[in-house]
Amino acid sequence: MSDPIQPFQYRPPRPVVGVFPGAHPGQMVGNGQLFKRHETLIARPDPRRIDLRASLLDPFGNYQVRVQQQHSAVDVFLLADLSASMGFAGNHNKRSVLADMLLSIAASALDHGDGFGFIACNQQVLTDCYLPAGKHMGRIQALAERLQKLVLRPGSAGLLQAQRYLPNHRALVFLLSDFHFPLAQLQAILQSLSCHDVIPLVLWDQAEYSRLPDWGLFQLQDLETGTRRTLWLRPGLKRKIEQAFARRRSQLQHHFRAFGCEPLFIENGYRAAQLTQYFLRRAG
């Protein structure tokens, strides 16, 4: 894991429905900075917020009170795929990148005054790695260290069960995986998360498909099944491998955009600036 922890700036895509004050524009009214509307003093009995000008202009002679939009907190979750393929180590170790992102997202959430939770899955939800939304950085750091030694097992069907561990109210969910599973399964996962704001993080490594030699023997291993295969690489086959990954990228973008979210591909290790830029682009 890199050191120190790198936080980033983020904002949910829509106003937050939350009762606790926080850093994000909310749907509730309260002691915020942003003017929302006027209401009568009878409807909202807070004489401290009487607007004399609006009251004088009221044709019915009612006292008008300024109502402000309250900034609210949101629960932030990292939903991580810990299937065997996430153990790939090429230019970067995917597991180390995952641990870096866990610490970074958690630190960012706590900096914003939000609660942070973590859900990890392979064929099922790993309940011993589950953290409910809270402000427990010490437990998160211990979990990040533990992930480095965790035995990764095949399968990612647990991602379909993860919504049971999410709150009933809308949360901001970072969905982290290499997404090396069928697109039908991805569609089902996205449907199960439809009541939350999902940020897809596609964790690839360029060593999986790029800069392969033009000629020579090359051994491949399917980390999910353990199957090994030896290929005689040549320029034509190398092109096919690169084209297959380009096709997969396009398919993932299509599925995520149809769901209403834009994926972020992370292929050269993790930098917090990537996520800051991602949210800035989305806000623009």
C-alpha atoms as a PDB file:
ATOM      1  CA  MET A   1       0.000   0.000   0.000  1.00  0.00           C
ATOM      2  CA  SER A   2       1.141   3.518  -0.708  1.00  0.00           C
ATOM      3  CA  ASP A   3       1.789   5.972   2.073  1.00  0.00           C
ATOM      4  CA  PRO A   4       0.372   8.413   3.050  1.00  0.00           C
ATOM      5  CA  ILE A   5      -3.359   7.896   2.488  1.00  0.00           C
ATOM      6  CA  GLN A   6      -4.662   9.987  -0.403  1.00  0.00           C
ATOM      7  CA  PRO A   7      -8.157  11.485   0.050  1.00  0.00           C
ATOM      8  CA  PHE A   8     -10.137  13.033  -2.822  1.00  0.00           C
ATOM      9  CA  GLN A   9     -13.114  15.342  -3.337  1.00  0.00           C
ATOM     10  CA  TYR A  10     -16.516  13.900  -4.276  1.00  0.00           C
ATOM     11  CA  ARG A  11     -20.159  14.846  -4.467  1.00  0.00           C
ATOM     12  CA  PRO A  12     -23.241  12.636  -4.859  1.00  0.00           C
ATOM     13  CA  PRO A  13     -24.990  13.077  -8.235  1.00  0.00           C
ATOM     14  CA  ARG A  14     -28.259  14.271  -6.654  1.00  0.00           C
ATOM     15  CA  PRO A  15     -29.311  16.045  -3.433  1.00  0.00           C
ATOM     16  CA  VAL A  16     -28.900  13.815  -0.403  1.00  0.00           C
ATOM     17  CA  VAL A  17     -31.905  12.579   1.560  1.00  0.00           C
ATOM     18  CA  GLY A  18     -30.498  12.659   5.075  1.00  0.00           C
ATOM     19  CA  VAL A  19     -31.444  14.003   8.482  1.00  0.00           C
ATOM     20  CA  PHE A  20     -27.884  14.535   9.710  1.00  0.00           C
ATOM     21  CA  PRO A  21     -26.050  17.727   8.696  1.00  0.00           C
ATOM     22  CA  GLY A  22     -23.096  17.175   6.408  1.00  0.00           C
ATOM     23  CA  ALA A  23     -21.125  18.465   3.431  1.00  0.00           C
ATOM     24  CA  HIS A  24     -23.526  17.713   0.541  1.00  0.00           C
ATOM     25  CA  PRO A  25     -26.571  19.578  -0.780  1.00  0.00           C
ATOM     26  CA  GLY A  26     -29.616  17.895   0.718  1.00  0.00           C
ATOM     27  CA  GLN A  27     -33.338  17.711   0.111  1.00  0.00           C
ATOM     28  CA  MET A  28     -34.232  18.738   3.660  1.00  0.00           C
ATOM     29  CA  VAL A  29     -34.569  22.330   4.822  1.00  0.00           C
ATOM     30  CA  GLY A  30     -32.796  23.623   7.887  1.00  0.00           C
ATOM     31  CA  ASN A  31     -29.808  25.735   8.874  1.00  0.00           C
ATOM     32  CA  GLY A  32     -28.082  25.672   5.511  1.00  0.00           C
ATOM     33  CA  GLN A  33     -26.432  28.419   3.470  1.00  0.00           C
ATOM     34  CA  LEU A  34     -28.421  28.046   0.245  1.00  0.00           C
ATOM     35  CA  PHE A  35     -31.770  29.870  -0.001  1.00  0.00           C
ATOM     36  CA  LYS A  36     -34.566  27.529  -1.071  1.00  0.00           C
ATOM     37  CA  ARG A  37     -37.884  29.391  -0.770  1.00  0.00           C
ATOM     38  CA  HIS A  38     -40.074  31.609   1.404  1.00  0.00           C
ATOM     39  CA  GLU A  39     -42.736  30.269   3.757  1.00  0.00           C
ATOM     40  CA  THR A  40     -45.106  32.006   6.136  1.00  0.00           C
ATOM     41  CA  LEU A  41     -44.148  32.455   9.760  1.00  0.00           C
ATOM     42  CA  ILE A  42     -47.143  30.295  10.741  1.00  0.00           C
ATOM     43  CA  ALA A  43     -45.911  27.418   8.558  1.00  0.00           C
ATOM     44  CA  ARG A  44     -42.326  27.739   9.798  1.00  0.00           C
ATOM     45  CA  PRO A  45     -42.282  29.527  13.187  1.00  0.00           C
ATOM     46  CA  ASP A  46     -38.682  30.772  13.252  1.00  0.00           C
ATOM     47  CA  PRO A  47     -38.699  34.561  13.774  1.00  0.00           C
ATOM     48  CA  ARG A  48     -34.898  34.679  13.399  1.00  0.00           C
ATOM     49  CA  ARG A  49     -35.341  34.104   9.656  1.00  0.00           C
ATOM     50  CA  ILE A  50     -38.067  36.663   8.936  1.00  0.00           C
ATOM     51  CA  ASP A  51     -37.411  38.414   5.618  1.00  0.00           C
ATOM     52  CA  LEU A  52     -38.751  41.962   6.070  1.00  0.00           C
ATOM     53  CA  ARG A  53     -38.595  42.858   2.391  1.00  0.00           C
ATOM     54  CA  ALA A  54     -40.512  39.741   1.336  1.00  0.00           C
ATOM     55  CA  SER A  55     -42.998  40.331   4.171  1.00  0.00           C
ATOM     56  CA  LEU A  56     -43.731  43.888   3.012  1.00  0.00           C
ATOM     57  CA  LEU A  57     -44.299  42.641  -0.536  1.00  0.00           C
ATOM     58  CA  ASP A  58     -46.649  39.852   0.535  1.00  0.00           C
ATOM     59  CA  PRO A  59     -50.159  40.787  -0.741  1.00  0.00           C
ATOM     60  CA  PHE A  60     -51.831  38.993   2.204  1.00  0.00           C
ATOM     61  CA  GLY A  61     -49.729  40.744   4.846  1.00  0.00           C
ATOM     62  CA  ASN A  62     -48.126  37.554   6.154  1.00  0.00           C
ATOM     63  CA  TYR A  63     -44.661  37.520   7.640  1.00  0.00           C
ATOM     64  CA  GLN A  64     -42.344  35.634   5.273  1.00  0.00           C
ATOM     65  CA  VAL A  65     -39.538  33.418   6.571  1.00  0.00           C
ATOM     66  CA  ARG A  66     -36.463  32.448   4.570  1.00  0.00           C
ATOM     67  CA  VAL A  67     -36.099  28.668   4.268  1.00  0.00           C
ATOM     68  CA  GLN A  68     -32.590  27.382   3.663  1.00  0.00           C
ATOM     69  CA  GLN A  69     -31.490  24.123   2.058  1.00  0.00           C
ATOM     70  CA  GLN A  70     -29.694  21.965   4.600  1.00  0.00           C
ATOM     71  CA  HIS A  71     -26.430  20.268   3.703  1.00  0.00           C
ATOM     72  CA  SER A  72     -26.617  16.616   4.709  1.00  0.00           C
ATOM     73  CA  ALA A  73     -24.372  13.619   5.258  1.00  0.00           C
ATOM     74  CA  VAL A  74     -24.467  10.478   3.097  1.00  0.00           C
ATOM     75  CA  ASP A  75     -23.360   6.910   3.794  1.00  0.00           C
ATOM     76  CA  VAL A  76     -20.466   5.859   1.552  1.00  0.00           C
ATOM     77  CA  PHE A  77     -19.753   2.193   0.833  1.00  0.00           C
ATOM     78  CA  LEU A  78     -16.994   0.388  -1.014  1.00  0.00           C
ATOM     79  CA  LEU A  79     -18.429  -2.798  -2.520  1.00  0.00           C
ATOM     80  CA  ALA A  80     -15.406  -4.855  -3.596  1.00  0.00           C
ATOM     81  CA  ASP A  81     -15.044  -7.987  -5.677  1.00  0.00           C
ATOM     82  CA  LEU A  82     -12.547 -10.284  -3.918  1.00  0.00           C
ATOM     83  CA  SER A  83     -12.757 -13.184  -6.361  1.00  0.00           C
ATOM     84  CA  ALA A  84      -9.586 -15.000  -7.430  1.00  0.00           C
ATOM     85  CA  SER A  85      -9.022 -12.843 -10.526  1.00  0.00           C
ATOM     86  CA  MET A  86      -8.504  -9.839  -8.235  1.00  0.00           C
ATOM     87  CA  GLY A  87      -5.256 -11.473  -7.124  1.00  0.00           C
ATOM     88  CA  PHE A  88      -3.594 -10.661 -10.456  1.00  0.00           C
ATOM     89  CA  ALA A  89      -0.170  -9.048 -10.108  1.00  0.00           C
ATOM     90  CA  GLY A  90       1.278  -7.431 -13.218  1.00  0.00           C
ATOM     91  CA  ASN A  91       2.600  -3.886 -13.373  1.00  0.00           C
ATOM     92  CA  HIS A  92       0.664  -3.434 -10.125  1.00  0.00           C
ATOM     93  CA  ASN A  93      -0.800  -5.845  -7.597  1.00  0.00           C
ATOM     94  CA  LYS A  94      -4.601  -5.563  -7.799  1.00  0.00           C
ATOM     95  CA  ARG A  95      -4.990  -6.519  -4.180  1.00  0.00           C
ATOM     96  CA  SER A  96      -2.637  -3.720  -3.067  1.00  0.00           C
ATOM     97  CA  VAL A  97      -4.460  -1.251  -5.299  1.00  0.00           C
ATOM     98  CA  LEU A  98      -7.744  -2.339  -3.697  1.00  0.00           C
ATOM     99  CA  ALA A  99      -6.298  -1.760  -0.213  1.00  0.00           C
ATOM    100  CA  ASP A 100      -5.065   1.701  -1.263  1.00  0.00           C
ATOM    101  CA  MET A 101      -8.528   2.562  -2.558  1.00  0.00           C
ATOM    102  CA  LEU A 102     -10.197   1.262   0.585  1.00  0.00           C
ATOM    103  CA  LEU A 103      -8.115   3.609   2.733  1.00  0.00           C
ATOM    104  CA  SER A 104      -8.503   6.530   0.323  1.00  0.00           C
ATOM    105  CA  ILE A 105     -12.297   6.278  -0.011  1.00  0.00           C
ATOM    106  CA  ALA A 106     -12.672   5.807   3.751  1.00  0.00           C
ATOM    107  CA  ALA A 107     -10.460   8.827   4.532  1.00  0.00           C
ATOM    108  CA  SER A 108     -12.369  10.933   1.982  1.00  0.00           C
ATOM    109  CA  ALA A 109     -15.730   9.951   3.487  1.00  0.00           C
ATOM    110  CA  LEU A 110     -14.581  10.796   7.006  1.00  0.00           C
ATOM    111  CA  ASP A 111     -13.129  14.126   5.807  1.00  0.00           C
ATOM    112  CA  HIS A 112     -16.584  14.997   4.437  1.00  0.00           C
ATOM    113  CA  GLY A 113     -18.261  13.984   7.696  1.00  0.00           C
ATOM    114  CA  ASP A 114     -19.887  10.945   6.067  1.00  0.00           C
ATOM    115  CA  GLY A 115     -20.100   7.390   7.359  1.00  0.00           C
ATOM    116  CA  PHE A 116     -18.067   4.714   5.564  1.00  0.00           C
ATOM    117  CA  GLY A 117     -18.802   1.010   5.175  1.00  0.00           C
ATOM    118  CA  PHE A 118     -17.135  -1.892   3.375  1.00  0.00           C
ATOM    119  CA  ILE A 119     -18.610  -5.009   1.757  1.00  0.00           C
ATOM    120  CA  ALA A 120     -16.396  -7.678   0.175  1.00  0.00           C
ATOM    121  CA  CYS A 121     -17.623 -10.587  -1.936  1.00  0.00           C
ATOM    122  CA  ASN A 122     -16.464 -13.648  -3.781  1.00  0.00           C
ATOM    123  CA  GLN A 123     -19.000 -16.430  -4.322  1.00  0.00           C
ATOM    124  CA  GLN A 124     -20.762 -15.013  -1.264  1.00  0.00           C
ATOM    125  CA  VAL A 125     -20.566 -11.932   0.934  1.00  0.00           C
ATOM    126  CA  LEU A 126     -17.535 -12.184   3.234  1.00  0.00           C
ATOM    127  CA  THR A 127     -19.263 -11.381   6.513  1.00  0.00           C
ATOM    128  CA  ASP A 128     -15.981 -11.400   8.448  1.00  0.00           C
ATOM    129  CA  CYS A 129     -14.802  -8.467   6.281  1.00  0.00           C
ATOM    130  CA  TYR A 130     -18.049  -6.504   6.505  1.00  0.00           C
ATOM    131  CA  LEU A 131     -18.022  -3.048   8.085  1.00  0.00           C
ATOM    132  CA  PRO A 132     -21.316  -1.158   8.519  1.00  0.00           C
ATOM    133  CA  ALA A 133     -21.342   2.567   7.820  1.00  0.00           C
ATOM    134  CA  GLY A 134     -19.524   4.378  10.597  1.00  0.00           C
ATOM    135  CA  LYS A 135     -16.436   6.388  11.449  1.00  0.00           C
ATOM    136  CA  HIS A 136     -13.947   3.730  12.462  1.00  0.00           C
ATOM    137  CA  MET A 137     -10.632   4.464  10.686  1.00  0.00           C
ATOM    138  CA  GLY A 138      -8.681   2.169  12.988  1.00  0.00           C
ATOM    139  CA  ARG A 139     -10.775  -0.858  11.977  1.00  0.00           C
ATOM    140  CA  ILE A 140     -10.495   0.146   8.313  1.00  0.00           C
ATOM    141  CA  GLN A 141      -6.694   0.277   8.477  1.00  0.00           C
ATOM    142  CA  ALA A 142      -6.596  -3.144  10.142  1.00  0.00           C
ATOM    143  CA  LEU A 143      -8.895  -4.520   7.435  1.00  0.00           C
ATOM    144  CA  ALA A 144      -6.718  -3.064   4.656  1.00  0.00           C
ATOM    145  CA  GLU A 145      -3.719  -4.918   6.078  1.00  0.00           C
ATOM    146  CA  ARG A 146      -5.740  -8.111   6.391  1.00  0.00           C
ATOM    147  CA  LEU A 147      -6.835  -7.957   2.746  1.00  0.00           C
ATOM    148  CA  GLN A 148      -3.187  -8.290   1.693  1.00  0.00           C
ATOM    149  CA  LYS A 149      -3.073 -11.811   3.180  1.00  0.00           C
ATOM    150  CA  LEU A 150      -6.621 -12.968   2.463  1.00  0.00           C
ATOM    151  CA  VAL A 151      -6.936 -16.121   0.354  1.00  0.00           C
ATOM    152  CA  LEU A 152      -8.957 -15.175  -2.725  1.00  0.00           C
ATOM    153  CA  ARG A 153     -11.453 -17.789  -3.903  1.00  0.00           C
ATOM    154  CA  PRO A 154     -13.236 -18.151  -7.264  1.00  0.00           C
ATOM    155  CA  GLY A 155     -16.613 -16.627  -8.014  1.00  0.00           C
ATOM    156  CA  SER A 156     -18.259 -13.231  -7.663  1.00  0.00           C
ATOM    157  CA  ALA A 157     -21.934 -14.185  -7.203  1.00  0.00           C
ATOM    158  CA  GLY A 158     -21.825 -12.597  -3.741  1.00  0.00           C
ATOM    159  CA  LEU A 159     -22.064  -9.177  -5.405  1.00  0.00           C
ATOM    160  CA  LEU A 160     -25.709 -10.029  -6.089  1.00  0.00           C
ATOM    161  CA  GLN A 161     -26.330 -10.463  -2.357  1.00  0.00           C
ATOM    162  CA  ALA A 162     -24.562  -7.272  -1.296  1.00  0.00           C
ATOM    163  CA  GLN A 163     -27.689  -5.089  -1.359  1.00  0.00           C
ATOM    164  CA  ARG A 164     -28.858  -6.881   1.815  1.00  0.00           C
ATOM    165  CA  TYR A 165     -25.947  -5.270   3.657  1.00  0.00           C
ATOM    166  CA  LEU A 166     -26.624  -1.765   2.320  1.00  0.00           C
ATOM    167  CA  PRO A 167     -28.941   0.698   4.101  1.00  0.00           C
ATOM    168  CA  ASN A 168     -32.542   1.178   2.994  1.00  0.00           C
ATOM    169  CA  HIS A 169     -31.875   4.860   2.263  1.00  0.00           C
ATOM    170  CA  ARG A 170     -29.872   5.953  -0.786  1.00  0.00           C
ATOM    171  CA  ALA A 171     -26.121   5.560  -0.326  1.00  0.00           C
ATOM    172  CA  LEU A 172     -23.084   6.353  -2.452  1.00  0.00           C
ATOM    173  CA  VAL A 173     -21.648   2.970  -3.507  1.00  0.00           C
ATOM    174  CA  PHE A 174     -18.211   2.565  -5.097  1.00  0.00           C
ATOM    175  CA  LEU A 175     -18.395  -0.753  -7.002  1.00  0.00           C
ATOM    176  CA  LEU A 176     -14.841  -2.069  -7.444  1.00  0.00           C
ATOM    177  CA  SER A 177     -14.045  -5.097  -9.615  1.00  0.00           C
ATOM    178  CA  ASP A 178     -12.192  -6.185 -12.738  1.00  0.00           C
ATOM    179  CA  PHE A 179     -15.637  -7.239 -14.049  1.00  0.00           C
ATOM    180  CA  HIS A 180     -14.230 -10.412 -15.602  1.00  0.00           C
ATOM    181  CA  PHE A 181     -17.604 -12.123 -15.312  1.00  0.00           C
ATOM    182  CA  PRO A 182     -20.618 -12.439 -17.679  1.00  0.00           C
ATOM    183  CA  LEU A 183     -22.431  -9.264 -18.659  1.00  0.00           C
ATOM    184  CA  ALA A 184     -25.754 -10.840 -17.648  1.00  0.00           C
ATOM    185  CA  GLN A 185     -24.407 -11.059 -14.095  1.00  0.00           C
ATOM    186  CA  LEU A 186     -23.315  -7.412 -14.270  1.00  0.00           C
ATOM    187  CA  GLN A 187     -26.810  -6.413 -15.369  1.00  0.00           C
ATOM    188  CA  ALA A 188     -28.330  -8.260 -12.401  1.00  0.00           C
ATOM    189  CA  ILE A 189     -25.854  -6.624  -9.983  1.00  0.00           C
ATOM    190  CA  LEU A 190     -26.683  -3.159 -11.267  1.00  0.00           C
ATOM    191  CA  GLN A 191     -30.413  -3.843 -10.971  1.00  0.00           C
ATOM    192  CA  SER A 192     -29.929  -4.933  -7.362  1.00  0.00           C
ATOM    193  CA  LEU A 193     -28.178  -1.604  -6.634  1.00  0.00           C
ATOM    194  CA  SER A 194     -30.701   0.570  -8.479  1.00  0.00           C
ATOM    195  CA  CYS A 195     -31.822   2.473  -5.358  1.00  0.00           C
ATOM    196  CA  HIS A 196     -28.260   3.719  -4.701  1.00  0.00           C
ATOM    197  CA  ASP A 197     -25.810   6.020  -6.492  1.00  0.00           C
ATOM    198  CA  VAL A 198     -23.228   3.679  -8.019  1.00  0.00           C
ATOM    199  CA  ILE A 199     -19.672   4.647  -9.013  1.00  0.00           C
ATOM    200  CA  PRO A 200     -18.171   1.772 -11.080  1.00  0.00           C
ATOM    201  CA  LEU A 201     -14.407   1.365 -10.646  1.00  0.00           C
ATOM    202  CA  VAL A 202     -12.944  -1.031 -13.229  1.00  0.00           C
ATOM    203  CA  LEU A 203      -9.626  -2.356 -11.931  1.00  0.00           C
ATOM    204  CA  TRP A 204      -7.494  -3.640 -14.789  1.00  0.00           C
ATOM    205  CA  ASP A 205      -3.756  -3.894 -15.310  1.00  0.00           C
ATOM    206  CA  GLN A 206      -2.112  -3.151 -18.638  1.00  0.00           C
ATOM    207  CA  ALA A 207       0.035  -6.264 -18.207  1.00  0.00           C
ATOM    208  CA  GLU A 208      -3.161  -8.305 -18.756  1.00  0.00           C
ATOM    209  CA  TYR A 209      -3.380  -7.331 -22.420  1.00  0.00           C
ATOM    210  CA  SER A 210      -0.856  -4.655 -23.398  1.00  0.00           C
ATOM    211  CA  ARG A 211       2.834  -4.728 -24.281  1.00  0.00           C
ATOM    212  CA  LEU A 212       2.796  -8.445 -25.004  1.00  0.00           C
ATOM    213  CA  PRO A 213       5.727  -9.767 -27.053  1.00  0.00           C
ATOM    214  CA  ASP A 214       5.182 -10.114 -30.806  1.00  0.00           C
ATOM    215  CA  TRP A 215       6.687 -13.597 -30.887  1.00  0.00           C
ATOM    216  CA  GLY A 216       7.367 -16.379 -28.431  1.00  0.00           C
ATOM    217  CA  LEU A 217       5.794 -18.816 -25.991  1.00  0.00           C
ATOM    218  CA  PHE A 218       3.451 -17.225 -23.496  1.00  0.00           C
ATOM    219  CA  GLN A 219       1.777 -18.961 -20.551  1.00  0.00           C
ATOM    220  CA  LEU A 220      -1.668 -17.865 -19.421  1.00  0.00           C
ATOM    221  CA  GLN A 221      -3.543 -18.842 -16.275  1.00  0.00           C
ATOM    222  CA  ASP A 222      -7.234 -18.388 -15.537  1.00  0.00           C
ATOM    223  CA  LEU A 223      -7.102 -17.322 -11.891  1.00  0.00           C
ATOM    224  CA  GLU A 224     -10.768 -18.261 -11.374  1.00  0.00           C
ATOM    225  CA  THR A 225     -10.398 -21.887 -12.496  1.00  0.00           C
ATOM    226  CA  GLY A 226      -6.629 -22.369 -12.138  1.00  0.00           C
ATOM    227  CA  THR A 227      -6.447 -23.587 -15.762  1.00  0.00           C
ATOM    228  CA  ARG A 228      -3.119 -22.955 -17.485  1.00  0.00           C
ATOM    229  CA  ARG A 229      -2.586 -22.607 -21.212  1.00  0.00           C
ATOM    230  CA  THR A 230       0.511 -22.053 -23.313  1.00  0.00           C
ATOM    231  CA  LEU A 231       0.206 -19.896 -26.432  1.00  0.00           C
ATOM    232  CA  TRP A 232       2.576 -19.253 -29.302  1.00  0.00           C
ATOM    233  CA  LEU A 233       2.310 -15.487 -29.553  1.00  0.00           C
ATOM    234  CA  ARG A 234       2.477 -13.844 -32.944  1.00  0.00           C
ATOM    235  CA  PRO A 235       1.436 -10.360 -34.131  1.00  0.00           C
ATOM    236  CA  GLY A 236      -2.011 -11.501 -35.292  1.00  0.00           C
ATOM    237  CA  LEU A 237      -2.861 -13.207 -31.973  1.00  0.00           C
ATOM    238  CA  LYS A 238      -1.487 -10.264 -30.004  1.00  0.00           C
ATOM    239  CA  ARG A 239      -3.827  -7.962 -31.948  1.00  0.00           C
ATOM    240  CA  LYS A 240      -6.789 -10.237 -31.196  1.00  0.00           C
ATOM    241  CA  ILE A 241      -6.071 -10.111 -27.454  1.00  0.00           C
ATOM    242  CA  GLU A 242      -5.846  -6.309 -27.502  1.00  0.00           C
ATOM    243  CA  GLN A 243      -9.037  -6.068 -29.584  1.00  0.00           C
ATOM    244  CA  ALA A 244     -10.859  -8.379 -27.152  1.00  0.00           C
ATOM    245  CA  PHE A 245     -10.028  -6.061 -24.243  1.00  0.00           C
ATOM    246  CA  ALA A 246     -11.044  -3.004 -26.295  1.00  0.00           C
ATOM    247  CA  ARG A 247     -14.361  -4.732 -27.060  1.00  0.00           C
ATOM    248  CA  ARG A 248     -14.834  -5.565 -23.392  1.00  0.00           C
ATOM    249  CA  ARG A 249     -14.158  -1.942 -22.419  1.00  0.00           C
ATOM    250  CA  SER A 250     -16.818  -0.781 -24.883  1.00  0.00           C
ATOM    251  CA  GLN A 251     -19.335  -3.358 -23.587  1.00  0.00           C
ATOM    252  CA  LEU A 252     -18.784  -2.314 -19.974  1.00  0.00           C
ATOM    253  CA  GLN A 253     -19.166   1.362 -20.854  1.00  0.00           C
ATOM    254  CA  HIS A 254     -22.415   0.589 -22.695  1.00  0.00           C
ATOM    255  CA  HIS A 255     -23.892  -1.368 -19.763  1.00  0.00           C
ATOM    256  CA  PHE A 256     -22.905   1.185 -17.136  1.00  0.00           C
ATOM    257  CA  ARG A 257     -24.120   4.152 -19.180  1.00  0.00           C
ATOM    258  CA  ALA A 258     -27.443   2.396 -19.790  1.00  0.00           C
ATOM    259  CA  PHE A 259     -27.730   2.182 -16.002  1.00  0.00           C
ATOM    260  CA  GLY A 260     -26.967   5.904 -15.720  1.00  0.00           C
ATOM    261  CA  CYS A 261     -23.382   5.888 -14.448  1.00  0.00           C
ATOM    262  CA  GLU A 262     -19.975   6.375 -16.018  1.00  0.00           C
ATOM    263  CA  PRO A 263     -17.218   3.824 -15.265  1.00  0.00           C
ATOM    264  CA  LEU A 264     -13.704   4.834 -14.237  1.00  0.00           C
ATOM    265  CA  PHE A 265     -11.004   2.503 -15.582  1.00  0.00           C
ATOM    266  CA  ILE A 266      -8.005   2.184 -13.261  1.00  0.00           C
ATOM    267  CA  GLU A 267      -5.141   0.520 -15.125  1.00  0.00           C
ATOM    268  CA  ASN A 268      -1.909   2.048 -13.831  1.00  0.00           C
ATOM    269  CA  GLY A 269      -2.248   1.815 -10.078  1.00  0.00           C
ATOM    270  CA  TYR A 270      -4.344   4.152  -7.954  1.00  0.00           C
ATOM    271  CA  ARG A 271      -4.039   7.921  -7.615  1.00  0.00           C
ATOM    272  CA  ALA A 272      -6.626   9.915  -5.688  1.00  0.00           C
ATOM    273  CA  ALA A 273      -6.464  12.638  -8.363  1.00  0.00           C
ATOM    274  CA  GLN A 274      -8.201  10.213 -10.760  1.00  0.00           C
ATOM    275  CA  LEU A 275     -11.326  10.187  -8.613  1.00  0.00           C
ATOM    276  CA  THR A 276     -11.243  13.942  -7.981  1.00  0.00           C
ATOM    277  CA  GLN A 277     -11.109  14.519 -11.762  1.00  0.00           C
ATOM    278  CA  TYR A 278     -13.859  11.941 -12.291  1.00  0.00           C
ATOM    279  CA  PHE A 279     -16.254  13.816  -9.978  1.00  0.00           C
ATOM    280  CA  LEU A 280     -15.267  17.196 -11.457  1.00  0.00           C
ATOM    281  CA  ARG A 281     -16.056  15.922 -14.971  1.00  0.00           C
ATOM    282  CA  ARG A 282     -19.368  14.529 -13.805  1.00  0.00           C
ATOM    283  CA  ALA A 283     -20.308  17.787 -12.088  1.00  0.00           C
ATOM    284  CA  GLY A 284     -19.480  19.689 -15.288  1.00  0.00           C
END
